[in-house]
Protein backbone atom coordinates (compact mmCIF):
# COMPACT_ATOMS: atom_id res chain seq x y z
CA UNK A 1 -122.19 178.61 137.07
CA UNK A 2 -120.59 181.84 135.89
CA UNK A 3 -120.84 181.25 132.15
CA UNK A 4 -124.65 181.32 131.86
CA UNK A 5 -124.71 184.69 133.61
CA UNK A 6 -122.36 186.21 131.09
CA UNK A 7 -124.34 185.20 128.03
CA UNK A 8 -127.25 187.69 128.40
CA UNK A 9 -124.78 190.52 128.72
CA UNK A 10 -123.05 189.43 125.54
CA UNK A 11 -126.39 189.07 123.76
CA UNK A 12 -127.35 192.62 124.67
CA UNK A 13 -124.66 194.02 122.37
CA UNK A 14 -126.56 192.75 119.34
CA UNK A 15 -129.36 195.26 119.80
CA UNK A 16 -127.50 198.35 118.69
CA UNK A 17 -124.99 200.96 119.68
CA UNK A 18 -125.11 200.27 123.44
CA UNK A 19 -125.68 197.32 125.74
CA UNK A 20 -129.26 196.75 126.81
CA UNK A 21 -129.09 194.42 129.81
CA UNK A 22 -132.38 192.59 130.27
CA UNK A 23 -134.46 193.34 133.33
CA UNK A 24 -136.12 190.74 135.50
CA UNK A 25 -139.16 188.75 134.44
CA UNK A 26 -141.25 190.52 137.05
CA UNK A 27 -140.43 193.96 135.61
CA UNK A 28 -141.08 192.73 132.09
CA UNK A 29 -144.51 191.57 133.23
CA UNK A 30 -145.21 194.95 134.85
CA UNK A 31 -144.23 196.79 131.66
CA UNK A 32 -146.31 194.39 129.57
CA UNK A 33 -149.34 194.97 131.82
CA UNK A 34 -149.07 198.68 131.02
CA UNK A 35 -148.22 198.58 127.32
CA UNK A 36 -150.04 195.54 125.95
CA UNK A 37 -153.55 196.86 126.78
CA UNK A 38 -152.55 200.25 125.44
CA UNK A 39 -151.29 198.76 122.17
CA UNK A 40 -154.48 196.68 121.91
CA UNK A 41 -156.59 199.82 122.42
CA UNK A 42 -154.63 201.65 119.70
CA UNK A 43 -155.13 198.74 117.29
CA UNK A 44 -158.86 198.64 118.11
CA UNK A 45 -159.08 202.40 117.50
CA UNK A 46 -157.40 202.05 114.12
CA UNK A 47 -159.86 199.33 113.12
CA UNK A 48 -162.98 201.13 114.37
CA UNK A 49 -162.08 204.57 112.98
CA UNK A 50 -160.42 203.41 109.76
CA UNK A 51 -161.85 205.82 107.16
CA UNK A 52 -161.39 203.83 103.97
CA UNK A 53 -160.25 206.82 101.93
CA UNK A 54 -160.95 210.53 101.61
CA UNK A 55 -164.69 211.34 101.40
CA UNK A 56 -165.75 212.71 97.99
CA UNK A 57 -166.84 216.31 97.50
CA UNK A 58 -167.75 218.65 94.67
CA UNK A 59 -164.77 220.54 93.30
CA UNK A 60 -164.84 224.26 94.07
CA UNK A 61 -161.90 225.28 91.90
CA UNK A 62 -160.47 227.36 94.75
CA UNK A 63 -156.90 227.08 96.02
CA UNK A 64 -155.74 223.49 96.45
CA UNK A 65 -159.19 222.23 95.47
CA UNK A 66 -158.52 222.87 91.79
CA UNK A 67 -158.29 220.15 89.16
CA UNK A 68 -154.68 219.99 88.02
CA UNK A 69 -152.72 218.38 85.21
CA UNK A 70 -149.07 218.10 84.26
CA UNK A 71 -147.72 220.24 81.41
CA UNK A 72 -144.46 221.26 79.75
CA UNK A 73 -143.10 224.54 78.41
CA UNK A 74 -142.33 223.94 74.74
CA UNK A 75 -141.28 227.41 73.59
CA UNK A 76 -140.30 230.85 74.91
CA UNK A 77 -140.71 233.95 72.69
CA UNK A 78 -139.69 237.54 73.40
CA UNK A 79 -142.62 239.89 72.67
CA UNK A 80 -143.64 243.48 73.28
CA UNK A 81 -145.91 243.67 76.33
CA UNK A 82 -148.21 246.15 74.56
CA UNK A 83 -148.59 243.83 71.58
CA UNK A 84 -149.40 241.01 73.98
CA UNK A 85 -152.27 243.12 75.40
CA UNK A 86 -150.69 243.28 78.84
CA UNK A 87 -148.99 245.96 80.89
CA UNK A 88 -147.12 246.19 84.12
CA UNK A 89 -148.78 247.35 87.34
CA UNK A 90 -146.76 250.58 87.22
CA UNK A 91 -148.05 251.37 83.73
CA UNK A 92 -151.62 250.64 84.74
CA UNK A 93 -151.49 253.04 87.71
CA UNK A 94 -153.35 256.31 86.96
CA UNK A 95 -150.99 259.25 86.64
CA UNK A 96 -147.90 257.09 86.17
CA UNK A 97 -145.18 258.57 83.96
CA UNK A 98 -144.77 257.12 80.49
CA UNK A 99 -142.02 254.55 80.24
CA UNK A 100 -140.28 252.79 77.37
CA UNK A 101 -142.00 249.72 75.96
CA UNK A 102 -141.38 246.66 78.06
CA UNK A 103 -140.46 243.24 76.77
CA UNK A 104 -142.39 240.20 77.98
CA UNK A 105 -141.95 236.49 77.56
CA UNK A 106 -144.57 234.47 75.77
CA UNK A 107 -144.51 230.86 76.99
CA UNK A 108 -146.15 228.15 74.91
CA UNK A 109 -147.27 225.34 77.20
CA UNK A 110 -148.41 221.84 76.24
CA UNK A 111 -150.67 219.74 78.49
CA UNK A 112 -149.08 216.30 78.95
CA UNK A 113 -151.71 214.46 81.04
CA UNK A 114 -155.49 214.13 81.13
CA UNK A 115 -158.13 214.12 78.43
CA UNK A 116 -156.65 217.24 76.77
CA UNK A 117 -153.18 215.77 76.42
CA UNK A 118 -151.34 217.54 73.59
CA UNK A 119 -153.39 220.73 73.86
CA UNK A 120 -151.36 223.95 73.94
CA UNK A 121 -151.98 227.41 75.35
CA UNK A 122 -149.88 230.52 75.91
CA UNK A 123 -149.06 232.55 78.99
CA UNK A 124 -147.46 235.98 79.15
CA UNK A 125 -144.72 236.48 81.75
CA UNK A 126 -144.14 240.13 82.69
CA UNK A 127 -140.62 241.36 83.59
CA UNK A 128 -141.58 242.14 87.19
CA UNK A 129 -142.91 238.63 87.86
CA UNK A 130 -140.72 236.47 90.06
CA UNK A 131 -141.45 233.21 88.25
CA UNK A 132 -139.58 232.51 85.04
CA UNK A 133 -139.94 229.63 82.58
CA UNK A 134 -137.43 227.78 80.43
CA UNK A 135 -138.04 225.61 77.39
CA UNK A 136 -138.61 222.00 78.43
CA UNK A 137 -139.52 222.89 82.01
CA UNK A 138 -142.32 220.93 83.65
CA UNK A 139 -145.21 222.87 85.17
CA UNK A 140 -148.51 222.23 86.95
CA UNK A 141 -151.62 223.70 85.35
CA UNK A 142 -155.07 224.22 86.82
CA UNK A 143 -158.11 223.14 84.79
CA UNK A 144 -161.38 225.06 84.99
CA UNK A 145 -163.98 223.13 82.94
CA UNK A 146 -166.62 225.88 83.16
CA UNK A 147 -164.35 228.64 81.83
CA UNK A 148 -164.11 229.63 78.15
CA UNK A 149 -161.97 227.21 76.17
CA UNK A 150 -159.03 229.58 75.80
CA UNK A 151 -159.01 230.25 79.56
CA UNK A 152 -159.54 226.72 80.85
CA UNK A 153 -155.86 226.11 81.59
CA UNK A 154 -153.49 228.30 83.62
CA UNK A 155 -150.11 227.64 85.20
CA UNK A 156 -150.29 227.42 88.99
CA UNK A 157 -146.85 226.07 89.89
CA UNK A 158 -143.72 224.44 88.55
CA UNK A 159 -143.02 220.71 88.68
CA UNK A 160 -140.48 220.06 91.44
CA UNK A 161 -140.75 216.29 91.43
CA UNK A 162 -137.22 215.46 90.24
CA UNK A 163 -135.19 217.73 92.58
CA UNK A 164 -137.31 216.70 95.56
CA UNK A 165 -136.94 213.01 94.70
CA UNK A 166 -133.18 213.44 94.26
CA UNK A 167 -132.89 215.20 97.62
CA UNK A 168 -134.92 212.43 99.28
CA UNK A 169 -132.61 209.84 97.72
CA UNK A 170 -129.51 211.64 99.02
CA UNK A 171 -131.11 211.82 102.47
CA UNK A 172 -131.88 208.09 102.44
CA UNK A 173 -128.34 207.20 101.35
CA UNK A 174 -126.84 209.43 104.06
CA UNK A 175 -129.03 207.88 106.75
CA UNK A 176 -128.18 204.33 105.68
CA UNK A 177 -124.46 205.09 105.25
CA UNK A 178 -124.16 206.51 108.76
CA UNK A 179 -126.88 204.60 110.61
CA UNK A 180 -126.54 201.29 108.73
CA UNK A 181 -129.24 198.87 109.90
CA UNK A 182 -130.68 201.35 112.38
CA UNK A 183 -130.80 203.95 109.64
CA UNK A 184 -132.63 201.55 107.34
CA UNK A 185 -135.14 200.73 110.06
CA UNK A 186 -135.62 204.44 110.73
CA UNK A 187 -136.44 205.03 107.06
CA UNK A 188 -138.93 202.15 107.06
CA UNK A 189 -140.54 203.56 110.20
CA UNK A 190 -140.70 206.98 108.51
CA UNK A 191 -142.54 205.51 105.53
CA UNK A 192 -144.99 203.76 107.86
CA UNK A 193 -145.53 207.00 109.77
CA UNK A 194 -146.41 208.86 106.59
CA UNK A 195 -148.72 206.01 105.60
CA UNK A 196 -150.59 206.27 108.91
CA UNK A 197 -150.78 210.04 108.51
CA UNK A 198 -152.13 209.97 104.95
CA UNK A 199 -154.24 206.80 105.10
CA UNK A 200 -155.71 207.14 108.60
CA UNK A 201 -155.29 210.47 110.38
CA UNK A 202 -156.16 212.87 107.55
CA UNK A 203 -159.07 210.89 106.00
CA UNK A 204 -160.52 210.08 109.45
CA UNK A 205 -160.61 213.79 110.33
CA UNK A 206 -162.24 214.57 106.98
CA UNK A 207 -164.90 211.93 107.74
CA UNK A 208 -165.90 213.95 110.80
CA UNK A 209 -164.29 211.95 113.60
CA UNK A 210 -163.03 213.84 116.63
CA UNK A 211 -159.62 215.25 115.55
CA UNK A 212 -158.19 214.88 119.07
CA UNK A 213 -159.16 211.20 119.29
CA UNK A 214 -157.84 210.51 115.79
CA UNK A 215 -154.56 212.29 116.57
CA UNK A 216 -154.09 210.36 119.81
CA UNK A 217 -154.73 206.99 118.15
CA UNK A 218 -152.71 207.72 115.02
CA UNK A 219 -149.87 209.40 116.93
CA UNK A 220 -149.69 206.49 119.38
CA UNK A 221 -149.50 204.00 116.51
CA UNK A 222 -146.70 206.02 114.91
CA UNK A 223 -144.86 206.20 118.23
CA UNK A 224 -145.10 202.47 118.95
CA UNK A 225 -144.01 201.44 115.47
CA UNK A 226 -141.19 203.98 115.16
CA UNK A 227 -139.68 203.44 118.61
CA UNK A 228 -139.77 199.65 118.64
CA UNK A 229 -138.59 199.33 115.04
CA UNK A 230 -135.66 201.71 115.53
CA UNK A 231 -134.60 200.81 119.07
CA UNK A 232 -135.67 197.22 119.57
CA UNK A 233 -138.27 195.42 121.66
CA UNK A 234 -136.72 195.83 125.10
CA UNK A 235 -137.32 197.44 128.47
CA UNK A 236 -135.34 200.55 127.56
CA UNK A 237 -137.60 201.32 124.61
CA UNK A 238 -140.68 200.51 126.69
CA UNK A 239 -139.67 203.07 129.30
CA UNK A 240 -139.28 205.67 126.53
CA UNK A 241 -142.76 204.76 125.25
CA UNK A 242 -144.31 205.20 128.70
CA UNK A 243 -142.54 208.54 129.20
CA UNK A 244 -143.73 209.74 125.79
CA UNK A 245 -147.31 208.70 126.52
CA UNK A 246 -147.39 210.56 129.83
CA UNK A 247 -145.97 213.68 128.20
CA UNK A 248 -148.48 213.55 125.35
CA UNK A 249 -151.27 213.24 127.92
CA UNK A 250 -150.00 216.41 129.62
CA UNK A 251 -149.75 218.23 126.28
CA UNK A 252 -153.33 217.24 125.43
CA UNK A 253 -154.66 218.60 128.74
CA UNK A 254 -152.71 221.86 128.59
CA UNK A 255 -153.54 222.39 124.92
CA UNK A 256 -157.25 221.86 125.48
CA UNK A 257 -157.33 224.22 128.48
CA UNK A 258 -155.40 227.09 126.91
CA UNK A 259 -156.99 226.84 123.47
CA UNK A 260 -160.38 227.31 125.14
CA UNK A 261 -159.14 229.92 127.63
CA UNK A 262 -157.47 232.01 124.90
CA UNK A 263 -160.59 231.69 122.67
CA UNK A 264 -158.61 230.28 119.75
CA UNK A 265 -160.74 229.08 116.87
CA UNK A 266 -158.01 227.52 114.72
CA UNK A 267 -159.49 229.20 111.63
CA UNK A 268 -156.62 231.58 110.92
CA UNK A 269 -155.58 230.76 107.35
CA UNK A 270 -157.03 230.30 103.90
CA UNK A 271 -156.38 226.57 104.14
CA UNK A 272 -158.42 226.07 107.31
CA UNK A 273 -161.18 228.27 105.90
CA UNK A 274 -161.32 226.18 102.73
CA UNK A 275 -161.37 222.94 104.75
CA UNK A 276 -164.27 224.24 106.84
CA UNK A 277 -166.11 225.22 103.66
CA UNK A 278 -165.64 221.82 102.03
CA UNK A 279 -166.30 219.80 105.20
CA UNK A 280 -168.43 221.86 107.62
CA UNK A 281 -168.57 218.97 110.10
CA UNK A 282 -164.87 219.23 110.96
CA UNK A 283 -164.12 220.77 114.36
CA UNK A 284 -161.39 223.29 113.53
CA UNK A 285 -160.50 223.86 117.19
CA UNK A 286 -159.96 220.14 117.62
CA UNK A 287 -157.84 220.18 114.49
CA UNK A 288 -155.58 222.76 116.13
CA UNK A 289 -155.15 220.60 119.22
CA UNK A 290 -154.48 217.52 117.09
CA UNK A 291 -151.76 219.44 115.26
CA UNK A 292 -150.10 220.35 118.56
CA UNK A 293 -150.02 216.70 119.65
CA UNK A 294 -148.67 215.35 116.37
CA UNK A 295 -146.14 218.17 116.10
CA UNK A 296 -144.79 217.44 119.58
CA UNK A 297 -144.51 213.69 119.01
CA UNK A 298 -141.25 213.65 117.06
CA UNK A 299 -139.33 215.83 119.50
CA UNK A 300 -140.69 213.89 122.47
CA UNK A 301 -139.47 210.61 120.98
CA UNK A 302 -135.99 212.06 120.66
CA UNK A 303 -135.88 213.31 124.26
CA UNK A 304 -137.32 210.20 125.92
CA UNK A 305 -135.12 207.77 123.97
CA UNK A 306 -132.03 209.86 124.75
CA UNK A 307 -132.81 209.98 128.47
CA UNK A 308 -133.49 206.27 128.80
CA UNK A 309 -130.36 205.43 126.82
CA UNK A 310 -128.30 207.73 129.04
CA UNK A 311 -129.58 206.08 132.24
CA UNK A 312 -128.94 202.59 130.86
CA UNK A 313 -125.40 203.54 129.87
CA UNK A 314 -124.77 205.08 133.30
CA UNK A 315 -125.95 201.89 134.96
CA UNK A 316 -123.74 199.79 132.72
CA UNK A 317 -120.73 201.97 133.59
CA UNK A 318 -121.50 201.86 137.32
CA UNK A 319 -123.52 198.71 138.12
CA UNK A 320 -123.62 199.52 141.82
CA UNK A 321 -125.20 202.98 141.37
CA UNK A 322 -128.48 203.57 143.19
CA UNK A 323 -131.54 204.93 141.42
CA UNK A 324 -131.00 208.31 143.08
CA UNK A 325 -127.47 208.54 141.72
CA UNK A 326 -128.65 207.48 138.26
CA UNK A 327 -131.49 210.00 138.35
CA UNK A 328 -129.14 212.84 139.32
CA UNK A 329 -126.64 211.99 136.61
CA UNK A 330 -129.40 211.54 134.04
CA UNK A 331 -130.92 214.89 134.91
CA UNK A 332 -127.60 216.64 134.38
CA UNK A 333 -127.66 215.28 130.86
CA UNK A 334 -131.35 216.11 130.49
CA UNK A 335 -130.91 219.78 131.46
CA UNK A 336 -128.50 220.28 128.58
CA UNK A 337 -130.93 218.51 126.30
CA UNK A 338 -133.82 220.70 127.45
CA UNK A 339 -131.89 223.92 126.82
CA UNK A 340 -131.03 222.96 123.25
CA UNK A 341 -134.34 221.37 122.22
CA UNK A 342 -136.58 224.15 123.59
CA UNK A 343 -134.54 226.71 121.68
CA UNK A 344 -134.84 224.52 118.60
CA UNK A 345 -138.63 224.41 118.93
CA UNK A 346 -138.98 228.16 119.30
CA UNK A 347 -136.66 228.89 116.39
CA UNK A 348 -138.45 226.35 114.20
CA UNK A 349 -141.83 228.01 114.80
CA UNK A 350 -140.32 231.49 114.39
CA UNK A 351 -138.75 230.46 111.10
CA UNK A 352 -142.04 229.07 109.82
CA UNK A 353 -143.84 232.30 110.80
CA UNK A 354 -141.09 234.62 109.53
CA UNK A 355 -143.16 236.23 106.70
CA UNK A 356 -145.94 236.93 109.21
CA UNK A 357 -143.46 238.49 111.65
CA UNK A 358 -142.11 240.66 108.84
CA UNK A 359 -145.61 241.98 108.12
CA UNK A 360 -146.10 242.89 111.77
CA UNK A 361 -142.71 244.58 111.77
CA UNK A 362 -143.62 246.63 108.72
CA UNK A 363 -146.89 247.64 110.37
CA UNK A 364 -144.88 248.69 113.47
CA UNK A 365 -147.32 246.93 115.74
CA UNK A 366 -146.39 246.60 119.40
CA UNK A 367 -145.16 243.30 120.77
CA UNK A 368 -148.20 242.82 123.00
CA UNK A 369 -150.58 243.61 120.16
CA UNK A 370 -148.81 241.18 117.87
CA UNK A 371 -148.77 238.44 120.51
CA UNK A 372 -152.45 239.01 121.27
CA UNK A 373 -153.60 238.52 117.69
CA UNK A 374 -155.10 235.08 117.10
CA UNK A 375 -152.69 234.26 114.31
CA UNK A 376 -149.64 234.71 116.56
CA UNK A 377 -151.31 233.57 119.79
CA UNK A 378 -152.04 230.23 118.13
CA UNK A 379 -148.34 229.71 117.44
CA UNK A 380 -147.44 230.86 120.97
CA UNK A 381 -149.81 228.33 122.52
CA UNK A 382 -148.56 225.64 120.17
CA UNK A 383 -144.92 226.36 121.04
CA UNK A 384 -145.31 226.76 124.80
CA UNK A 385 -147.62 223.79 125.32
CA UNK A 386 -145.29 221.54 123.35
CA UNK A 387 -142.28 222.90 125.23
CA UNK A 388 -143.91 222.30 128.63
CA UNK A 389 -144.60 218.69 127.69
CA UNK A 390 -141.05 218.38 126.43
CA UNK A 391 -139.57 219.76 129.66
CA UNK A 392 -141.81 217.53 131.79
CA UNK A 393 -140.76 214.45 129.83
CA UNK A 394 -137.14 214.74 130.97
CA UNK A 395 -137.53 214.24 134.76
CA UNK A 396 -140.42 211.82 134.24
CA UNK A 397 -138.60 209.56 131.79
CA UNK A 398 -135.32 209.79 133.70
CA UNK A 399 -137.04 208.76 136.93
CA UNK A 400 -138.83 205.84 135.27
CA UNK A 401 -135.60 204.66 133.64
CA UNK A 402 -133.63 204.94 136.90
CA UNK A 403 -136.26 202.98 138.84
CA UNK A 404 -136.58 200.24 136.23
CA UNK A 405 -132.87 199.71 135.61
CA UNK A 406 -132.12 199.77 139.37
CA UNK A 407 -134.87 197.33 140.26
CA UNK A 408 -132.92 194.46 138.70
CA UNK A 409 -129.48 193.30 139.85
CA UNK A 410 -128.64 191.41 136.66
CA UNK A 411 -126.08 194.02 135.61
CA UNK A 412 -124.20 193.66 138.89
CA UNK A 413 -124.18 189.88 138.65
CA UNK A 414 -122.92 190.10 135.08
CA UNK A 415 -120.01 192.31 136.11
CA UNK A 416 -118.90 189.63 138.58
CA UNK A 417 -118.44 187.14 135.76
CA UNK A 418 -115.65 189.11 134.10
CA UNK A 419 -112.36 187.19 133.89
CA UNK A 420 -110.25 189.99 135.36
CA UNK A 421 -110.21 188.76 138.97
CA UNK A 422 -108.99 191.91 140.75
CA UNK A 423 -112.05 193.83 139.33
CA UNK A 424 -114.73 191.50 140.65
CA UNK A 425 -117.20 192.77 143.22
CA UNK A 426 -116.44 189.98 145.72
CA UNK A 427 -114.47 186.74 146.20
CA UNK A 428 -115.57 183.51 144.72
CA UNK A 429 -115.81 180.32 146.74
CA UNK A 430 -112.41 179.34 148.03
CA UNK A 431 -110.83 182.76 147.32
CA UNK A 432 -109.58 185.20 149.98
CA UNK A 433 -111.03 188.64 150.62
CA UNK A 434 -107.62 190.21 150.97
CA UNK A 435 -105.60 191.18 147.92
CA UNK A 436 -102.75 193.32 146.77
CA UNK A 437 -100.45 194.07 143.88
CA UNK A 438 -99.08 190.52 143.94
CA UNK A 439 -102.34 188.76 144.67
CA UNK A 440 -102.36 187.01 141.31
CA UNK A 441 -98.84 185.69 141.80
CA UNK A 442 -99.49 184.22 145.30
CA UNK A 443 -102.98 182.89 144.64
CA UNK A 444 -102.30 179.25 145.74
CA UNK A 445 -100.76 180.29 149.08
CA UNK A 446 -103.58 182.74 149.77
CA UNK A 447 -106.16 180.16 148.81
CA UNK A 448 -104.68 177.79 151.32
CA UNK A 449 -104.69 180.52 153.93
CA UNK A 450 -108.31 181.11 153.18
CA UNK A 451 -109.06 177.45 153.89
CA UNK A 452 -107.17 177.57 157.17
CA UNK A 453 -109.17 180.62 158.31
CA UNK A 454 -112.39 178.95 157.29
CA UNK A 455 -111.36 175.83 159.28
CA UNK A 456 -110.95 177.95 162.36
């Protein structure tokens, strides 16, 4: 009778780095009642709102909406800037002192893709320009069909495809080398996440669907796929999913309230202005809220999975622990996690906005004035709303995990089946309750004594 109880515990070690003891059938049904309808609703939302590609629009030739082609630098010549009919900004300033002739670089560039493949043009690079070219270097050129022929092509950026691809390859190898099968599954989930982002979320928003609804459906699909692929289809992952969902719901409510209360429009950059020009039907404010939800999703997954894993490991180490004890121990772990992750969020946003902060520092604007500007207030709301949802996810997920793992006694029964007799939770049939250092050596005599006591 003991052997069948031990087999589920042994099977649990096949799911990953820690044992995942199965919960009772009743709890599995309860979790399924919550998650199956939700997953069905997400799938229905994907089908109904599936955009079928990015909607077409007339090219404006502005910013990222330019037509681009690949090109290559074929030759670099050293020329006099005056002979090249160009001068530096200092020389062009009225009243500037005369300076020695400056030397410029004349780059000959050949278009390598498109209908004008093989066509060449030149570009003058002044000494005070930060960008430099080398022979054989790949570049990206913008094409303006309505411009004069000699001005139709201009370099807009360099081609960074190879170094980025190499870095991505190193990252993938590192993840697989350390994470092995889990690392491979994480990479597959990452590819699927990017596919949902580029094939569903972005085109659906461009088609005019509510950005908040699209973000909720797309983010939920990413969460379900990523968590279950990386951590297995079990109760522990399901608890993390439920904790993440509740936290995202809180973030959505807080974000909506404070975006409206702070009168944030979301139109604070050239990119959002261009998007609104190309697709006037897009709700920019909703786009801001959708960005907050998607941006918080990755960190929330990390916190909820960590908390549920910690509670499960605590239960495995102490099968007799009550849910209150598990919750207290899990929260001690969670408080350390909160302190580190919140600081990470703030520093990540500060690092992304560092050039903007430098401009405010140069202008010597006061802290309150800087924080009150829409450009900075948008980042403050984004950071604080995401952090509040992150903080709330810790006690919520820890409580759910403690209740679920404590509601089933399978772990305790499994511990009884261990072969080391002195460590069992109670005597088996025909075995005495008393024991001592020599209990194993005098087992037959004690067993007989046990029968005599039972006869009385």
